[in-house]
Amino acid sequence: METTRHFTATTYIVNDGATALHEHDRLGIRLPPGGHVDRDELPHEAALREVREETGLDAELVATESSITGPNTRGLPEPAHLMLHDINVHEDGSVGHQHVDHLYYARVDSREIAPNGSDEVGSDGWRWYTPAELSASDLQRDVIDLGREAVSVVDGA
């Protein structure tokens, strides 16, 4: 069976030592802003768009870019991590659908979440977590680890 793969972008946003997560209705877990990369977008553009749509905030990526250039070549903001998520796993263990996720860290200048995209979680569905709150939570281990790393990276930048 062939596996379908989609490119996605996720961004852990950080403000004043905390990162924002929302309850994902379909998955039943808390996640940062993110979604599919549109056909006319680059991954870092999708990351910023998803933050704007889901939170109403303008984010500034904390990412390096390659300094190597060429006549038709330039660097792009590099994700903090490149992840592969199995989305549709069948009973026989085969995977029907995966997300190749470009995971970024970013700073925002406010904690006032006001979603402006269609079908987005309302502002009451979001919560800001400090590293200590993440560590004490029952969130998924990867969300805890990445959220703590995001705060450390963004506050240290």
N, C-alpha and C. Protein backbone atom coordinates (compact mmCIF):
# COMPACT_ATOMS: atom_id res chain seq x y z
N MET A 1 0.83 -1.18 0.00
CA MET A 1 0.00 0.00 0.00
C MET A 1 0.88 1.25 0.00
N GLU A 2 0.51 2.19 -0.80
CA GLU A 2 1.27 3.45 -0.91
C GLU A 2 0.94 4.39 0.25
N THR A 3 1.95 5.07 0.75
CA THR A 3 1.77 6.05 1.82
C THR A 3 1.68 7.44 1.22
N THR A 4 0.62 8.16 1.57
CA THR A 4 0.46 9.55 1.14
C THR A 4 1.15 10.45 2.17
N ARG A 5 1.94 11.38 1.68
CA ARG A 5 2.64 12.30 2.59
C ARG A 5 2.29 13.74 2.24
N HIS A 6 2.02 14.53 3.27
CA HIS A 6 1.76 15.95 3.12
C HIS A 6 2.79 16.73 3.93
N PHE A 7 3.19 17.88 3.40
CA PHE A 7 4.08 18.77 4.16
C PHE A 7 3.24 19.64 5.08
N THR A 8 3.69 19.76 6.33
CA THR A 8 3.01 20.59 7.31
C THR A 8 4.03 21.50 8.00
N ALA A 9 3.53 22.50 8.71
CA ALA A 9 4.38 23.41 9.47
C ALA A 9 3.72 23.66 10.83
N THR A 10 4.52 23.56 11.86
CA THR A 10 4.07 23.76 13.24
C THR A 10 4.98 24.79 13.88
N THR A 11 4.40 25.66 14.72
CA THR A 11 5.20 26.69 15.37
C THR A 11 4.87 26.78 16.85
N TYR A 12 5.86 26.56 17.68
CA TYR A 12 5.73 26.83 19.11
C TYR A 12 5.99 28.31 19.30
N ILE A 13 4.94 29.06 19.67
CA ILE A 13 5.10 30.50 19.90
C ILE A 13 5.42 30.73 21.37
N VAL A 14 6.27 31.72 21.63
CA VAL A 14 6.73 31.99 22.99
C VAL A 14 6.56 33.46 23.31
N ASN A 15 6.05 33.72 24.51
CA ASN A 15 5.95 35.09 25.04
C ASN A 15 6.22 35.04 26.53
N ASP A 16 7.18 35.83 26.96
CA ASP A 16 7.49 35.99 28.39
C ASP A 16 7.61 34.66 29.12
N GLY A 17 8.40 33.75 28.55
CA GLY A 17 8.73 32.50 29.23
C GLY A 17 7.65 31.43 29.19
N ALA A 18 6.71 31.52 28.25
CA ALA A 18 5.67 30.50 28.15
C ALA A 18 5.32 30.27 26.68
N THR A 19 4.77 29.10 26.40
CA THR A 19 4.33 28.75 25.04
C THR A 19 2.85 28.43 25.06
N ALA A 20 2.16 28.71 23.96
CA ALA A 20 0.70 28.53 23.88
C ALA A 20 0.35 27.23 23.18
N LEU A 21 -0.59 26.50 23.78
CA LEU A 21 -1.10 25.26 23.21
C LEU A 21 -2.62 25.30 23.23
N HIS A 22 -3.24 24.65 22.24
CA HIS A 22 -4.70 24.58 22.20
C HIS A 22 -5.15 23.12 22.17
N GLU A 23 -6.38 22.91 22.58
CA GLU A 23 -6.97 21.59 22.53
C GLU A 23 -7.39 21.30 21.09
N HIS A 24 -6.82 20.26 20.50
CA HIS A 24 -7.15 19.85 19.14
C HIS A 24 -8.41 18.98 19.21
N ASP A 25 -9.50 19.49 18.63
CA ASP A 25 -10.79 18.80 18.75
C ASP A 25 -10.75 17.35 18.28
N ARG A 26 -10.22 17.12 17.10
CA ARG A 26 -10.26 15.77 16.52
C ARG A 26 -9.30 14.81 17.22
N LEU A 27 -8.12 15.30 17.59
CA LEU A 27 -7.11 14.44 18.19
C LEU A 27 -7.24 14.32 19.71
N GLY A 28 -7.88 15.31 20.34
CA GLY A 28 -8.04 15.27 21.79
C GLY A 28 -6.76 15.50 22.56
N ILE A 29 -5.80 16.20 21.96
CA ILE A 29 -4.55 16.52 22.64
C ILE A 29 -4.25 18.00 22.47
N ARG A 30 -3.36 18.53 23.29
CA ARG A 30 -2.96 19.93 23.19
C ARG A 30 -1.77 20.05 22.25
N LEU A 31 -1.86 21.02 21.33
CA LEU A 31 -0.83 21.23 20.31
C LEU A 31 -0.60 22.72 20.09
N PRO A 32 0.55 23.07 19.52
CA PRO A 32 0.80 24.45 19.10
C PRO A 32 0.12 24.71 17.75
N PRO A 33 0.14 25.95 17.27
CA PRO A 33 -0.44 26.24 15.96
C PRO A 33 0.29 25.48 14.86
N GLY A 34 -0.47 25.06 13.86
CA GLY A 34 0.15 24.37 12.73
C GLY A 34 -0.87 23.89 11.75
N GLY A 35 -0.39 23.47 10.59
CA GLY A 35 -1.27 22.95 9.56
C GLY A 35 -0.52 22.65 8.28
N HIS A 36 -1.27 22.36 7.24
CA HIS A 36 -0.69 21.98 5.95
C HIS A 36 -0.03 23.16 5.24
N VAL A 37 1.04 22.87 4.53
CA VAL A 37 1.70 23.85 3.66
C VAL A 37 0.90 23.88 2.37
N ASP A 38 0.41 25.07 2.00
CA ASP A 38 -0.34 25.21 0.75
C ASP A 38 0.60 25.08 -0.45
N ARG A 39 0.03 24.79 -1.60
CA ARG A 39 0.82 24.56 -2.82
C ARG A 39 1.70 25.75 -3.19
N ASP A 40 1.27 26.96 -2.88
CA ASP A 40 2.03 28.15 -3.27
C ASP A 40 2.89 28.70 -2.14
N GLU A 41 3.09 27.93 -1.08
CA GLU A 41 3.82 28.41 0.09
C GLU A 41 5.12 27.64 0.30
N LEU A 42 6.02 28.30 0.99
CA LEU A 42 7.19 27.64 1.56
C LEU A 42 6.84 27.28 3.00
N PRO A 43 7.53 26.30 3.58
CA PRO A 43 7.17 25.87 4.94
C PRO A 43 7.17 26.99 5.98
N HIS A 44 8.17 27.88 5.95
CA HIS A 44 8.21 28.94 6.96
C HIS A 44 7.06 29.93 6.76
N GLU A 45 6.61 30.13 5.53
CA GLU A 45 5.46 30.99 5.27
C GLU A 45 4.19 30.36 5.84
N ALA A 46 4.05 29.06 5.67
CA ALA A 46 2.89 28.35 6.23
C ALA A 46 2.90 28.43 7.74
N ALA A 47 4.09 28.31 8.34
CA ALA A 47 4.20 28.38 9.80
C ALA A 47 3.67 29.72 10.31
N LEU A 48 4.08 30.81 9.67
CA LEU A 48 3.63 32.15 10.09
C LEU A 48 2.14 32.35 9.81
N ARG A 49 1.66 31.85 8.67
CA ARG A 49 0.23 31.96 8.34
C ARG A 49 -0.62 31.23 9.36
N GLU A 50 -0.22 30.02 9.69
CA GLU A 50 -0.99 29.23 10.66
C GLU A 50 -1.05 29.92 12.02
N VAL A 51 0.06 30.53 12.45
CA VAL A 51 0.04 31.27 13.72
C VAL A 51 -0.97 32.41 13.63
N ARG A 52 -0.94 33.18 12.53
CA ARG A 52 -1.88 34.31 12.37
C ARG A 52 -3.32 33.82 12.37
N GLU A 53 -3.60 32.76 11.61
CA GLU A 53 -4.97 32.26 11.53
C GLU A 53 -5.47 31.72 12.87
N GLU A 54 -4.63 30.94 13.55
CA GLU A 54 -5.07 30.25 14.75
C GLU A 54 -5.04 31.12 16.00
N THR A 55 -4.15 32.12 16.02
CA THR A 55 -4.02 32.93 17.25
C THR A 55 -4.27 34.41 17.03
N GLY A 56 -4.19 34.89 15.78
CA GLY A 56 -4.29 36.32 15.51
C GLY A 56 -3.00 37.07 15.80
N LEU A 57 -1.95 36.36 16.18
CA LEU A 57 -0.68 36.99 16.53
C LEU A 57 0.29 36.96 15.35
N ASP A 58 1.13 37.99 15.27
CA ASP A 58 2.21 38.02 14.29
C ASP A 58 3.46 37.48 14.97
N ALA A 59 4.03 36.45 14.38
CA ALA A 59 5.18 35.78 14.98
C ALA A 59 6.46 36.13 14.24
N GLU A 60 7.55 36.08 14.97
CA GLU A 60 8.89 36.25 14.40
C GLU A 60 9.64 34.94 14.62
N LEU A 61 9.95 34.25 13.54
CA LEU A 61 10.65 32.97 13.67
C LEU A 61 12.04 33.17 14.25
N VAL A 62 12.43 32.24 15.11
CA VAL A 62 13.80 32.19 15.62
C VAL A 62 14.44 31.02 14.88
N ALA A 63 15.07 31.35 13.75
CA ALA A 63 15.59 30.31 12.87
C ALA A 63 16.81 30.83 12.12
N THR A 64 17.73 29.95 11.84
CA THR A 64 18.90 30.33 11.04
C THR A 64 18.60 30.09 9.57
N GLU A 65 19.35 30.78 8.73
CA GLU A 65 19.27 30.58 7.29
C GLU A 65 20.67 30.29 6.77
N SER A 66 20.75 29.43 5.81
CA SER A 66 22.03 29.15 5.19
C SER A 66 22.56 30.41 4.54
N SER A 67 23.85 30.65 4.68
CA SER A 67 24.47 31.82 4.05
C SER A 67 24.95 31.50 2.63
N ILE A 68 24.80 30.25 2.22
CA ILE A 68 25.25 29.85 0.89
C ILE A 68 24.21 30.29 -0.13
N THR A 69 24.69 30.98 -1.16
CA THR A 69 23.80 31.45 -2.22
C THR A 69 24.38 31.06 -3.56
N GLY A 70 23.58 31.17 -4.56
CA GLY A 70 23.99 30.90 -5.93
C GLY A 70 23.13 31.72 -6.86
N PRO A 71 23.35 31.60 -8.16
CA PRO A 71 22.57 32.40 -9.11
C PRO A 71 21.06 32.21 -8.95
N ASN A 72 20.63 31.02 -8.61
CA ASN A 72 19.21 30.72 -8.45
C ASN A 72 18.94 30.06 -7.09
N THR A 73 19.77 30.36 -6.10
CA THR A 73 19.70 29.66 -4.82
C THR A 73 19.80 30.64 -3.67
N ARG A 74 19.00 30.42 -2.64
CA ARG A 74 19.10 31.20 -1.40
C ARG A 74 18.65 30.31 -0.25
N GLY A 75 19.09 30.66 0.94
CA GLY A 75 18.69 29.91 2.13
C GLY A 75 17.29 30.26 2.57
N LEU A 76 16.68 29.35 3.30
CA LEU A 76 15.37 29.56 3.90
C LEU A 76 15.50 29.43 5.41
N PRO A 77 14.58 30.02 6.17
CA PRO A 77 14.60 29.78 7.61
C PRO A 77 14.49 28.27 7.88
N GLU A 78 15.44 27.77 8.64
CA GLU A 78 15.49 26.33 8.89
C GLU A 78 14.65 25.96 10.10
N PRO A 79 13.86 24.90 9.99
CA PRO A 79 13.07 24.47 11.15
C PRO A 79 13.99 24.00 12.28
N ALA A 80 13.50 24.12 13.49
CA ALA A 80 14.23 23.59 14.65
C ALA A 80 14.30 22.08 14.57
N HIS A 81 13.24 21.48 14.04
CA HIS A 81 13.18 20.03 13.88
C HIS A 81 12.38 19.72 12.61
N LEU A 82 12.71 18.61 11.99
CA LEU A 82 11.94 18.08 10.88
C LEU A 82 11.41 16.73 11.37
N MET A 83 10.08 16.62 11.45
CA MET A 83 9.46 15.47 12.09
C MET A 83 8.60 14.69 11.10
N LEU A 84 8.43 13.40 11.33
CA LEU A 84 7.54 12.57 10.53
C LEU A 84 6.46 12.02 11.47
N HIS A 85 5.19 12.36 11.18
CA HIS A 85 4.07 11.93 12.01
C HIS A 85 3.22 10.93 11.23
N ASP A 86 3.00 9.76 11.80
CA ASP A 86 2.08 8.78 11.23
C ASP A 86 0.67 9.20 11.59
N ILE A 87 -0.15 9.47 10.58
CA ILE A 87 -1.50 9.98 10.80
C ILE A 87 -2.54 8.86 10.70
N ASN A 88 -2.38 7.99 9.74
CA ASN A 88 -3.35 6.93 9.51
C ASN A 88 -2.61 5.60 9.51
N VAL A 89 -2.64 4.92 10.66
CA VAL A 89 -1.96 3.63 10.79
C VAL A 89 -3.02 2.53 10.75
N HIS A 90 -2.82 1.56 9.86
CA HIS A 90 -3.78 0.48 9.70
C HIS A 90 -3.50 -0.65 10.69
N GLU A 91 -4.47 -1.54 10.85
CA GLU A 91 -4.34 -2.66 11.80
C GLU A 91 -3.13 -3.52 11.50
N ASP A 92 -2.74 -3.64 10.23
CA ASP A 92 -1.59 -4.47 9.88
C ASP A 92 -0.25 -3.75 10.10
N GLY A 93 -0.31 -2.50 10.61
CA GLY A 93 0.90 -1.74 10.87
C GLY A 93 1.34 -0.84 9.73
N SER A 94 0.73 -1.00 8.57
CA SER A 94 1.09 -0.13 7.45
C SER A 94 0.53 1.28 7.71
N VAL A 95 1.21 2.25 7.12
CA VAL A 95 0.84 3.65 7.32
C VAL A 95 0.27 4.19 6.02
N GLY A 96 -0.95 4.69 6.07
CA GLY A 96 -1.60 5.20 4.87
C GLY A 96 -1.35 6.67 4.63
N HIS A 97 -1.07 7.42 5.71
CA HIS A 97 -0.91 8.87 5.59
C HIS A 97 0.10 9.36 6.62
N GLN A 98 0.99 10.24 6.19
CA GLN A 98 1.99 10.83 7.09
C GLN A 98 2.09 12.33 6.84
N HIS A 99 2.53 13.04 7.88
CA HIS A 99 2.85 14.46 7.76
C HIS A 99 4.36 14.63 7.93
N VAL A 100 4.99 15.31 6.98
CA VAL A 100 6.39 15.71 7.09
C VAL A 100 6.33 17.13 7.65
N ASP A 101 6.61 17.25 8.95
CA ASP A 101 6.36 18.49 9.68
C ASP A 101 7.62 19.31 9.88
N HIS A 102 7.56 20.56 9.42
CA HIS A 102 8.63 21.54 9.64
C HIS A 102 8.28 22.27 10.92
N LEU A 103 9.03 22.02 11.98
CA LEU A 103 8.69 22.54 13.30
C LEU A 103 9.57 23.74 13.64
N TYR A 104 8.93 24.88 13.87
CA TYR A 104 9.64 26.14 14.13
C TYR A 104 9.36 26.63 15.54
N TYR A 105 10.24 27.53 16.00
CA TYR A 105 10.05 28.28 17.24
C TYR A 105 9.95 29.75 16.86
N ALA A 106 9.11 30.49 17.59
CA ALA A 106 8.92 31.90 17.26
C ALA A 106 8.57 32.69 18.51
N ARG A 107 8.84 33.98 18.44
CA ARG A 107 8.42 34.88 19.52
C ARG A 107 7.22 35.68 19.06
N VAL A 108 6.35 35.98 20.00
CA VAL A 108 5.21 36.86 19.77
C VAL A 108 5.24 37.92 20.86
N ASP A 109 4.69 39.10 20.56
CA ASP A 109 4.79 40.21 21.52
C ASP A 109 3.56 40.37 22.41
N SER A 110 2.66 39.37 22.39
CA SER A 110 1.45 39.46 23.19
C SER A 110 0.94 38.06 23.51
N ARG A 111 0.13 37.96 24.55
CA ARG A 111 -0.56 36.70 24.87
C ARG A 111 -2.05 36.81 24.57
N GLU A 112 -2.45 37.88 23.90
CA GLU A 112 -3.86 38.10 23.57
C GLU A 112 -4.22 37.32 22.31
N ILE A 113 -4.78 36.15 22.50
CA ILE A 113 -5.13 35.29 21.37
C ILE A 113 -6.53 35.63 20.88
N ALA A 114 -6.59 35.93 19.59
CA ALA A 114 -7.86 36.27 18.93
C ALA A 114 -7.83 35.65 17.54
N PRO A 115 -8.20 34.37 17.42
CA PRO A 115 -8.13 33.67 16.13
C PRO A 115 -8.84 34.45 15.03
N ASN A 116 -8.24 34.45 13.82
CA ASN A 116 -8.88 35.15 12.71
C ASN A 116 -9.04 34.27 11.48
N GLY A 117 -8.84 32.99 11.62
CA GLY A 117 -9.08 32.08 10.51
C GLY A 117 -10.44 31.42 10.67
N SER A 118 -10.91 30.80 9.62
CA SER A 118 -12.19 30.10 9.71
C SER A 118 -12.02 28.76 10.43
N ASP A 119 -13.01 28.39 11.18
CA ASP A 119 -13.02 27.11 11.90
C ASP A 119 -11.86 26.94 12.86
N GLU A 120 -11.44 28.02 13.52
CA GLU A 120 -10.34 27.94 14.47
C GLU A 120 -10.88 27.79 15.90
N VAL A 121 -10.07 27.21 16.76
CA VAL A 121 -10.40 27.10 18.18
C VAL A 121 -10.49 28.50 18.76
N GLY A 122 -11.50 28.77 19.56
CA GLY A 122 -11.67 30.08 20.18
C GLY A 122 -10.56 30.38 21.17
N SER A 123 -10.45 31.64 21.56
CA SER A 123 -9.38 32.05 22.46
C SER A 123 -9.44 31.32 23.80
N ASP A 124 -10.63 30.89 24.23
CA ASP A 124 -10.75 30.16 25.49
C ASP A 124 -10.21 28.73 25.39
N GLY A 125 -9.92 28.26 24.18
CA GLY A 125 -9.36 26.92 23.99
C GLY A 125 -7.84 26.89 24.07
N TRP A 126 -7.23 28.05 24.30
CA TRP A 126 -5.77 28.17 24.37
C TRP A 126 -5.33 28.35 25.81
N ARG A 127 -4.11 27.87 26.09
CA ARG A 127 -3.50 28.07 27.41
C ARG A 127 -2.00 28.26 27.23
N TRP A 128 -1.45 29.19 28.01
CA TRP A 128 0.00 29.42 28.01
C TRP A 128 0.63 28.56 29.09
N TYR A 129 1.75 27.90 28.75
CA TYR A 129 2.46 26.99 29.66
C TYR A 129 3.89 27.44 29.85
N THR A 130 4.32 27.57 31.08
CA THR A 130 5.73 27.78 31.39
C THR A 130 6.43 26.42 31.33
N PRO A 131 7.76 26.40 31.29
CA PRO A 131 8.44 25.09 31.31
C PRO A 131 8.08 24.25 32.53
N ALA A 132 7.94 24.88 33.69
CA ALA A 132 7.57 24.13 34.90
C ALA A 132 6.17 23.54 34.76
N GLU A 133 5.23 24.31 34.20
CA GLU A 133 3.88 23.81 34.01
C GLU A 133 3.85 22.67 32.99
N LEU A 134 4.66 22.79 31.96
CA LEU A 134 4.76 21.70 30.99
C LEU A 134 5.26 20.43 31.67
N SER A 135 6.33 20.56 32.45
CA SER A 135 6.92 19.40 33.12
C SER A 135 5.94 18.73 34.08
N ALA A 136 5.10 19.52 34.72
CA ALA A 136 4.14 18.98 35.69
C ALA A 136 2.85 18.50 35.04
N SER A 137 2.72 18.67 33.73
CA SER A 137 1.47 18.34 33.04
C SER A 137 1.42 16.88 32.62
N ASP A 138 0.24 16.48 32.16
CA ASP A 138 0.08 15.14 31.61
C ASP A 138 -0.01 15.19 30.09
N LEU A 139 0.57 16.23 29.50
CA LEU A 139 0.61 16.36 28.04
C LEU A 139 1.51 15.28 27.44
N GLN A 140 1.42 15.11 26.13
CA GLN A 140 2.30 14.15 25.46
C GLN A 140 3.75 14.53 25.67
N ARG A 141 4.61 13.53 25.82
CA ARG A 141 6.03 13.75 26.10
C ARG A 141 6.70 14.65 25.06
N ASP A 142 6.40 14.45 23.77
CA ASP A 142 7.04 15.27 22.75
C ASP A 142 6.59 16.73 22.84
N VAL A 143 5.33 16.97 23.17
CA VAL A 143 4.82 18.33 23.32
C VAL A 143 5.51 19.01 24.51
N ILE A 144 5.67 18.29 25.59
CA ILE A 144 6.37 18.82 26.77
C ILE A 144 7.82 19.17 26.41
N ASP A 145 8.52 18.22 25.80
CA ASP A 145 9.95 18.43 25.48
C ASP A 145 10.14 19.57 24.48
N LEU A 146 9.31 19.60 23.43
CA LEU A 146 9.45 20.65 22.41
C LEU A 146 9.03 22.00 22.96
N GLY A 147 7.99 22.04 23.77
CA GLY A 147 7.57 23.30 24.38
C GLY A 147 8.64 23.88 25.29
N ARG A 148 9.25 23.03 26.10
CA ARG A 148 10.34 23.49 26.98
C ARG A 148 11.52 23.98 26.15
N GLU A 149 11.87 23.24 25.11
CA GLU A 149 12.98 23.65 24.24
C GLU A 149 12.67 24.97 23.55
N ALA A 150 11.43 25.15 23.11
CA ALA A 150 11.03 26.40 22.44
C ALA A 150 11.24 27.59 23.35
N VAL A 151 10.78 27.49 24.58
CA VAL A 151 10.95 28.60 25.53
C VAL A 151 12.42 28.89 25.75
N SER A 152 13.22 27.85 25.92
CA SER A 152 14.66 28.02 26.13
C SER A 152 15.33 28.69 24.95
N VAL A 153 15.00 28.23 23.74
CA VAL A 153 15.63 28.76 22.52
C VAL A 153 15.21 30.21 22.30
N VAL A 154 13.91 30.48 22.38
CA VAL A 154 13.43 31.83 22.10
C VAL A 154 13.89 32.82 23.16
N ASP A 155 13.82 32.44 24.43
CA ASP A 155 14.27 33.35 25.48
C ASP A 155 15.78 33.55 25.46
N GLY A 156 16.51 32.56 24.92
CA GLY A 156 17.97 32.67 24.83
C GLY A 156 18.45 33.37 23.58
N ALA A 157 17.55 33.61 22.63
CA ALA A 157 17.95 34.23 21.35
C ALA A 157 18.08 35.74 21.46
